[in-house]
Amino acid sequence: MITTKPKIITDSWINLTWDEFSQLWDDSTYEKAKFYYYNQRAIIEMPPLGHDHASDHAIITYAIHIYAAIKSIPLNGHDACSYRKVGVREAQPDLSFYIGDNVDVIPYGTGVIDLTIYPPPNLVIEVANTSLADDKGEKRLLYEDFGVEEYWIIDVKNVKIIAFQIEGQGSKRITQSQVLPNLEIDILVQALQKSRESNHSEVSRWLLQQFQTT
């Protein structure tokens, strides 16, 4: 019996069974793509190559790690890590963090993080250059169902951060992080704004000054 592979349109949600979705993981066509699955639908995101996305990704990564270090907050970060609940949902967020009591819950040697075994990350971040509508919509629902505590969207084009606290499969906007106590989201926005005019070393020095005085 000959089976026909489903036609995949990248960067758009399409109807797929889990079995069809799982067949794509080893397809070299999507070797560098990001995979999401939710409500029997999948989206295959091709890599957002480009300066703006990469620059904001770098600044936010640095800011979170240095804030946690200065404030003695236990934290482990993941870059484009895969989280999976087999047969139900999958996500590969740009950034994700285990914080506090969960900091060491994922052992080295783990590949895809199985959410039937391990808890979800405390904080998930998507860097949105061309995917803003989807990040605010379907992915927000996906992360609500994952049970993460906070979900941030970095709006690259408008130089904004849309941050949500998630409770009971619902979410609300916040201006101060709960998982990184006392971290004002606006400081990170200011860092992004400064990065449009200054190099990352200068922005990093400014962040250090802000975090050491708050």
Protein backbone atom coordinates (compact mmCIF):
# COMPACT_ATOMS: atom_id res chain seq x y z
CA MET A 1 0.00 0.00 0.00
CA ILE A 2 1.38 3.40 -1.03
CA THR A 3 0.77 6.26 1.35
CA THR A 4 0.88 9.87 0.25
CA LYS A 5 2.56 12.38 2.49
CA PRO A 6 0.33 15.32 3.37
CA LYS A 7 1.19 18.55 1.60
CA ILE A 8 2.77 20.86 4.13
CA ILE A 9 2.37 24.62 3.93
CA THR A 10 4.94 26.10 6.26
CA ASP A 11 4.22 28.99 8.62
CA SER A 12 0.46 28.29 8.61
CA TRP A 13 -1.67 26.06 10.80
CA ILE A 14 -2.88 22.94 8.97
CA ASN A 15 -4.95 19.93 10.02
CA LEU A 16 -2.76 16.92 10.76
CA THR A 17 -3.09 13.77 12.81
CA TRP A 18 -0.37 13.16 15.37
CA ASP A 19 0.98 10.30 13.25
CA GLU A 20 1.24 12.58 10.20
CA PHE A 21 2.87 15.25 12.33
CA SER A 22 5.44 12.84 13.79
CA GLN A 23 6.50 11.71 10.30
CA LEU A 24 7.80 15.22 9.63
CA TRP A 25 10.37 15.20 12.44
CA ASP A 26 12.94 13.25 10.42
CA ASP A 27 12.24 14.98 7.11
CA SER A 28 15.42 16.82 6.08
CA THR A 29 13.26 19.50 4.42
CA TYR A 30 12.35 20.76 7.90
CA GLU A 31 15.68 20.11 9.59
CA LYS A 32 15.92 23.66 10.94
CA ALA A 33 12.20 24.30 11.38
CA LYS A 34 10.25 24.73 14.61
CA PHE A 35 7.31 22.39 15.25
CA TYR A 36 4.06 23.14 17.06
CA TYR A 37 1.02 20.90 17.50
CA TYR A 38 -2.27 21.83 19.15
CA ASN A 39 -5.91 20.75 18.76
CA GLN A 40 -5.04 18.32 15.94
CA ARG A 41 -3.42 21.11 13.97
CA ALA A 42 0.24 21.77 13.29
CA ILE A 43 2.42 24.65 12.21
CA ILE A 44 5.92 24.19 10.85
CA GLU A 45 7.84 27.45 11.22
CA MET A 46 10.88 27.92 9.05
CA PRO A 47 13.81 29.64 10.81
CA PRO A 48 13.44 33.43 11.12
CA LEU A 49 16.83 34.27 9.65
CA GLY A 50 17.65 37.92 10.08
CA HIS A 51 19.36 40.52 12.21
CA ASP A 52 16.34 41.95 14.07
CA HIS A 53 14.98 38.66 15.40
CA ALA A 54 18.44 37.41 16.37
CA SER A 55 19.41 40.68 18.06
CA ASP A 56 16.32 40.86 20.27
CA HIS A 57 16.70 37.17 21.08
CA ALA A 58 20.26 37.80 22.27
CA ILE A 59 19.41 40.85 24.41
CA ILE A 60 16.50 39.18 26.19
CA THR A 61 18.53 36.02 26.82
CA TYR A 62 21.33 38.03 28.39
CA ALA A 63 18.97 40.21 30.43
CA ILE A 64 17.19 37.26 32.02
CA HIS A 65 20.36 35.38 32.88
CA ILE A 66 22.10 38.41 34.37
CA TYR A 67 19.01 39.43 36.37
CA ALA A 68 18.74 35.94 37.84
CA ALA A 69 22.46 35.94 38.68
CA ILE A 70 22.37 39.34 40.39
CA LYS A 71 19.21 38.51 42.35
CA SER A 72 20.36 34.95 43.23
CA ILE A 73 17.38 33.38 41.49
CA PRO A 74 18.02 29.73 40.50
CA LEU A 75 17.52 29.51 36.72
CA ASN A 76 18.30 27.26 33.76
CA GLY A 77 17.52 28.39 30.22
CA HIS A 78 16.77 26.55 27.00
CA ASP A 79 17.11 27.84 23.45
CA ALA A 80 14.63 26.35 20.93
CA CYS A 81 14.00 23.29 23.11
CA SER A 82 11.24 20.78 22.25
CA TYR A 83 8.42 20.13 24.73
CA ARG A 84 6.03 17.29 23.95
CA LYS A 85 2.94 15.61 25.33
CA VAL A 86 2.71 12.67 22.93
CA GLY A 87 -0.42 12.60 20.83
CA VAL A 88 -1.67 15.92 22.22
CA ARG A 89 0.63 18.92 21.84
CA GLU A 90 4.16 20.04 21.08
CA ALA A 91 6.03 23.33 21.11
CA GLN A 92 9.53 24.64 20.42
CA PRO A 93 9.59 28.15 21.89
CA ASP A 94 12.43 30.52 21.12
CA LEU A 95 13.35 30.68 24.81
CA SER A 96 12.21 28.81 27.90
CA PHE A 97 13.34 28.79 31.52
CA TYR A 98 13.06 26.56 34.56
CA ILE A 99 13.19 28.76 37.65
CA GLY A 100 13.28 28.26 41.41
CA ASP A 101 12.34 24.81 42.69
CA ASN A 102 12.20 23.42 39.14
CA VAL A 103 15.66 24.63 38.15
CA ASP A 104 17.34 21.20 38.07
CA VAL A 105 14.35 19.06 37.17
CA ILE A 106 15.56 18.23 33.64
CA PRO A 107 18.63 15.95 33.72
CA TYR A 108 21.48 16.21 31.22
CA GLY A 109 21.10 13.64 28.47
CA THR A 110 17.42 14.48 27.98
CA GLY A 111 16.38 15.11 24.37
CA VAL A 112 12.80 16.18 23.77
CA ILE A 113 11.26 17.06 27.13
CA ASP A 114 8.34 14.73 27.77
CA LEU A 115 5.66 16.63 29.68
CA THR A 116 4.11 13.40 30.90
CA ILE A 117 7.31 12.94 32.92
CA TYR A 118 8.61 16.44 33.59
CA PRO A 119 6.88 19.71 34.49
CA PRO A 120 6.63 22.49 31.89
CA PRO A 121 9.05 25.42 32.06
CA ASN A 122 8.08 28.33 34.29
CA LEU A 123 8.66 30.94 31.59
CA VAL A 124 8.26 30.67 27.82
CA ILE A 125 9.20 33.41 25.33
CA GLU A 126 8.48 33.77 21.63
CA VAL A 127 10.37 36.37 19.58
CA ALA A 128 7.83 37.60 17.03
CA ASN A 129 9.02 39.32 13.88
CA THR A 130 6.56 37.89 11.34
CA SER A 131 4.53 35.65 13.66
CA LEU A 132 2.97 38.18 16.06
CA ALA A 133 -0.69 37.36 15.39
CA ASP A 134 -0.10 33.65 15.86
CA ASP A 135 2.02 34.17 18.98
CA LYS A 136 -0.79 36.23 20.55
CA GLY A 137 -3.45 33.74 19.47
CA GLU A 138 -3.00 30.00 18.98
CA LYS A 139 0.33 29.72 20.74
CA ARG A 140 -0.97 31.61 23.74
CA LEU A 141 -3.71 28.98 24.08
CA LEU A 142 -1.15 26.23 23.59
CA TYR A 143 1.02 27.52 26.43
CA GLU A 144 -2.01 27.99 28.65
CA ASP A 145 -2.77 24.29 28.19
CA PHE A 146 0.89 23.41 28.74
CA GLY A 147 0.60 24.99 32.18
CA VAL A 148 3.55 27.38 32.03
CA GLU A 149 3.45 30.19 34.58
CA GLU A 150 4.40 33.08 32.30
CA TYR A 151 4.42 33.67 28.55
CA TRP A 152 6.15 36.64 26.95
CA ILE A 153 5.99 37.79 23.34
CA ILE A 154 8.80 40.00 22.04
CA ASP A 155 7.22 42.22 19.38
CA VAL A 156 10.29 42.95 17.25
CA LYS A 157 8.75 45.41 14.81
CA ASN A 158 7.02 47.54 17.43
CA VAL A 159 9.75 47.13 20.08
CA LYS A 160 7.34 45.92 22.76
CA ILE A 161 6.96 43.01 25.14
CA ILE A 162 3.54 41.51 25.74
CA ALA A 163 3.73 39.52 28.98
CA PHE A 164 1.10 37.17 30.38
CA GLN A 165 0.70 35.40 33.68
CA ILE A 166 -1.04 32.04 33.24
CA GLU A 167 -3.36 30.54 35.83
CA GLY A 168 -5.94 27.80 35.48
CA GLN A 169 -5.67 27.63 31.67
CA GLY A 170 -6.29 31.36 31.41
CA SER A 171 -3.95 34.32 31.10
CA LYS A 172 -3.79 37.99 32.00
CA ARG A 173 -1.43 40.81 31.07
CA ILE A 174 1.28 41.75 33.55
CA THR A 175 3.84 44.55 33.78
CA GLN A 176 6.05 42.85 36.39
CA SER A 177 7.25 39.26 36.29
CA GLN A 178 6.10 36.88 38.99
CA VAL A 179 8.58 34.10 38.23
CA LEU A 180 11.48 36.59 38.22
CA PRO A 181 10.37 38.64 41.24
CA ASN A 182 10.41 42.44 40.92
CA LEU A 183 11.60 42.39 37.31
CA GLU A 184 9.77 45.21 35.54
CA ILE A 185 8.95 44.30 31.95
CA ASP A 186 9.49 47.94 30.96
CA ILE A 187 13.21 47.70 31.76
CA LEU A 188 13.51 44.97 29.14
CA VAL A 189 11.56 47.09 26.67
CA GLN A 190 13.94 49.98 27.28
CA ALA A 191 16.87 47.64 26.65
CA LEU A 192 15.37 46.65 23.30
CA GLN A 193 14.84 50.28 22.42
CA LYS A 194 18.44 51.13 23.31
CA SER A 195 19.68 48.25 21.16
CA ARG A 196 18.31 50.08 18.09
CA GLU A 197 20.90 52.81 18.67
CA SER A 198 23.66 51.22 20.77
CA ASN A 199 25.73 48.05 20.58
CA HIS A 200 25.03 45.13 22.89
CA SER A 201 27.94 45.89 25.22
CA GLU A 202 26.49 49.32 25.96
CA VAL A 203 23.00 47.91 26.44
CA SER A 204 24.41 45.21 28.74
CA ARG A 205 26.20 47.80 30.89
CA TRP A 206 22.96 49.75 31.17
CA LEU A 207 21.06 46.61 32.20
CA LEU A 208 23.64 45.82 34.86
CA GLN A 209 23.24 49.29 36.33
CA GLN A 210 19.46 48.97 36.37
CA PHE A 211 19.44 45.54 37.99
CA GLN A 212 22.03 46.45 40.62
CA THR A 213 20.03 49.46 41.79
CA THR A 214 16.58 47.85 41.94
